[in-house]
C-alpha atoms as a PDB file:
ATOM      1  CA  MET A   1      -1.513 -12.327  20.425  1.00  0.00           C
ATOM      2  CA  PRO A   2       2.297 -12.190  20.251  1.00  0.00           C
ATOM      3  CA  GLU A   3       2.049 -11.306  16.553  1.00  0.00           C
ATOM      4  CA  ALA A   4      -0.214  -8.348  17.344  1.00  0.00           C
ATOM      5  CA  LEU A   5       2.155  -7.097  20.031  1.00  0.00           C
ATOM      6  CA  ALA A   6       5.167  -7.504  17.751  1.00  0.00           C
ATOM      7  CA  SER A   7       3.506  -5.617  14.904  1.00  0.00           C
ATOM      8  CA  ARG A   8       2.492  -2.771  17.249  1.00  0.00           C
ATOM      9  CA  ALA A   9       6.047  -2.612  18.660  1.00  0.00           C
ATOM     10  CA  ILE A  10       7.419  -2.354  15.125  1.00  0.00           C
ATOM     11  CA  LEU A  11       4.941   0.422  14.325  1.00  0.00           C
ATOM     12  CA  PHE A  12       5.993   2.278  17.486  1.00  0.00           C
ATOM     13  CA  ALA A  13       9.669   1.945  16.499  1.00  0.00           C
ATOM     14  CA  VAL A  14       9.222   3.270  12.930  1.00  0.00           C
ATOM     15  CA  PRO A  15       9.611   7.003  13.819  1.00  0.00           C
ATOM     16  CA  PHE A  16      12.751   6.239  15.831  1.00  0.00           C
ATOM     17  CA  LEU A  17      14.234   4.234  12.939  1.00  0.00           C
ATOM     18  CA  VAL A  18      13.418   6.948  10.396  1.00  0.00           C
ATOM     19  CA  TRP A  19      14.936   9.617  12.633  1.00  0.00           C
ATOM     20  CA  GLY A  20      18.035   7.450  13.173  1.00  0.00           C
ATOM     21  CA  LEU A  21      18.498   7.035   9.415  1.00  0.00           C
ATOM     22  CA  TRP A  22      18.075  10.784   8.896  1.00  0.00           C
ATOM     23  CA  TRP A  23      20.506  11.530  11.737  1.00  0.00           C
ATOM     24  CA  THR A  24      23.114   9.199  10.208  1.00  0.00           C
ATOM     25  CA  TRP A  25      22.672  10.747   6.761  1.00  0.00           C
ATOM     26  CA  ALA A  26      22.840  14.294   8.150  1.00  0.00           C
ATOM     27  CA  ARG A  27      26.057  13.619  10.067  1.00  0.00           C
ATOM     28  CA  ARG A  28      27.721  12.067   7.019  1.00  0.00           C
ATOM     29  CA  THR A  29      26.829  15.064   4.846  1.00  0.00           C
ATOM     30  CA  GLY A  30      27.948  17.579   7.465  1.00  0.00           C
ATOM     31  CA  ARG A  31      24.547  19.114   8.131  1.00  0.00           C
ATOM     32  CA  PRO A  32      23.976  20.804  11.500  1.00  0.00           C
ATOM     33  CA  MET A  33      22.056  18.677  13.997  1.00  0.00           C
ATOM     34  CA  GLY A  34      19.675  19.825  16.690  1.00  0.00           C
ATOM     35  CA  SER A  35      18.717  17.917  19.794  1.00  0.00           C
ATOM     36  CA  THR A  36      16.805  14.657  19.570  1.00  0.00           C
ATOM     37  CA  PRO A  37      13.028  15.327  19.447  1.00  0.00           C
ATOM     38  CA  TRP A  38      12.074  12.606  21.948  1.00  0.00           C
ATOM     39  CA  PRO A  39       8.520  13.828  22.665  1.00  0.00           C
ATOM     40  CA  TRP A  40       7.738  14.049  18.935  1.00  0.00           C
ATOM     41  CA  LEU A  41       9.135  10.567  18.302  1.00  0.00           C
ATOM     42  CA  PHE A  42       7.068   9.072  21.128  1.00  0.00           C
ATOM     43  CA  ALA A  43       3.950  10.922  19.938  1.00  0.00           C
ATOM     44  CA  ALA A  44       4.445   9.752  16.347  1.00  0.00           C
ATOM     45  CA  GLY A  45       4.928   6.146  17.493  1.00  0.00           C
ATOM     46  CA  ALA A  46       1.832   6.326  19.696  1.00  0.00           C
ATOM     47  CA  ALA A  47      -0.167   7.825  16.809  1.00  0.00           C
ATOM     48  CA  LEU A  48       0.848   4.962  14.507  1.00  0.00           C
ATOM     49  CA  VAL A  49      -0.162   2.393  17.120  1.00  0.00           C
ATOM     50  CA  GLY A  50      -3.460   4.201  17.702  1.00  0.00           C
ATOM     51  CA  ILE A  51      -4.221   4.305  13.980  1.00  0.00           C
ATOM     52  CA  SER A  52      -3.479   0.585  13.685  1.00  0.00           C
ATOM     53  CA  LEU A  53      -5.829  -0.179  16.593  1.00  0.00           C
ATOM     54  CA  MET A  54      -8.620   1.885  15.025  1.00  0.00           C
ATOM     55  CA  ALA A  55      -8.064   0.260  11.626  1.00  0.00           C
ATOM     56  CA  GLY A  56      -8.212  -3.170  13.245  1.00  0.00           C
ATOM     57  CA  ALA A  57     -11.527  -2.328  14.883  1.00  0.00           C
ATOM     58  CA  ILE A  58     -12.975  -0.923  11.664  1.00  0.00           C
ATOM     59  CA  PHE A  59     -11.826  -3.622   9.251  1.00  0.00           C
ATOM     60  CA  HIS A  60     -12.151  -6.674  11.535  1.00  0.00           C
ATOM     61  CA  THR A  61     -14.693  -9.195  10.301  1.00  0.00           C
ATOM     62  CA  ASP A  62     -17.903  -9.441  12.279  1.00  0.00           C
ATOM     63  CA  ASN A  63     -18.651 -12.834  13.813  1.00  0.00           C
ATOM     64  CA  ARG A  64     -21.970 -12.015  15.482  1.00  0.00           C
ATOM     65  CA  GLY A  65     -24.549 -14.642  14.677  1.00  0.00           C
ATOM     66  CA  GLU A  66     -21.899 -17.307  14.167  1.00  0.00           C
ATOM     67  CA  VAL A  67     -21.216 -20.267  16.426  1.00  0.00           C
ATOM     68  CA  TYR A  68     -17.767 -20.808  17.948  1.00  0.00           C
ATOM     69  CA  VAL A  69     -16.411 -24.328  17.550  1.00  0.00           C
ATOM     70  CA  PRO A  70     -13.657 -24.820  20.146  1.00  0.00           C
ATOM     71  CA  ALA A  71     -10.343 -26.516  19.460  1.00  0.00           C
ATOM     72  CA  GLU A  72     -10.399 -30.308  19.682  1.00  0.00           C
ATOM     73  CA  THR A  73      -7.890 -33.113  19.924  1.00  0.00           C
ATOM     74  CA  THR A  74      -8.243 -35.786  17.254  1.00  0.00           C
ATOM     75  CA  ALA A  75      -7.702 -39.500  17.809  1.00  0.00           C
ATOM     76  CA  SER A  76      -4.241 -39.185  16.237  1.00  0.00           C
ATOM     77  CA  GLY A  77      -3.242 -36.546  18.801  1.00  0.00           C
ATOM     78  CA  GLN A  78      -3.387 -33.516  16.529  1.00  0.00           C
ATOM     79  CA  VAL A  79      -5.198 -30.385  17.656  1.00  0.00           C
ATOM     80  CA  THR A  80      -7.685 -28.681  15.354  1.00  0.00           C
ATOM     81  CA  LYS A  81      -7.970 -24.896  15.660  1.00  0.00           C
ATOM     82  CA  GLY A  82     -11.038 -23.260  17.103  1.00  0.00           C
ATOM     83  CA  HIS A  83     -13.106 -21.353  14.562  1.00  0.00           C
ATOM     84  CA  PHE A  84     -16.446 -19.722  13.872  1.00  0.00           C
ATOM     85  CA  GLU A  85     -19.086 -21.377  11.690  1.00  0.00           C
ATOM     86  CA  HIS A  86     -22.344 -20.141  10.276  1.00  0.00           C
ATOM     87  CA  PRO A  87     -25.237 -21.852  12.059  1.00  0.00           C
ATOM     88  CA  ALA A  88     -27.077 -24.497  10.121  1.00  0.00           C
ATOM     89  CA  ALA A  89     -30.290 -23.297   8.534  1.00  0.00           C
ATOM     90  CA  LYS A  90     -33.417 -24.472  10.312  1.00  0.00           C
ATOM     91  CA  HIS A  91     -35.835 -26.453   8.156  1.00  0.00           C
ATOM     92  CA  PRO A  92     -39.556 -26.292   9.061  1.00  0.00           C
END
């Protein structure tokens, strides 16, 4: 969960970083600067986050029909991760 939030925060920050790099380059080369386009930067960041959420929903693997095996603690004290398994085939 923290990884997903961090990746979405980075995606949201990309337009601001690109604009900051352009602003720095423009000032060094003496180009005229306008005001900061805050609404456009927020909209672009929100669009990137929205696209990433849609892509995650489209390309996420489907686990319907699988059985969830919860995390367990072994005798040595290590914890095994929870995971999905295909159900065993029933033999007549």
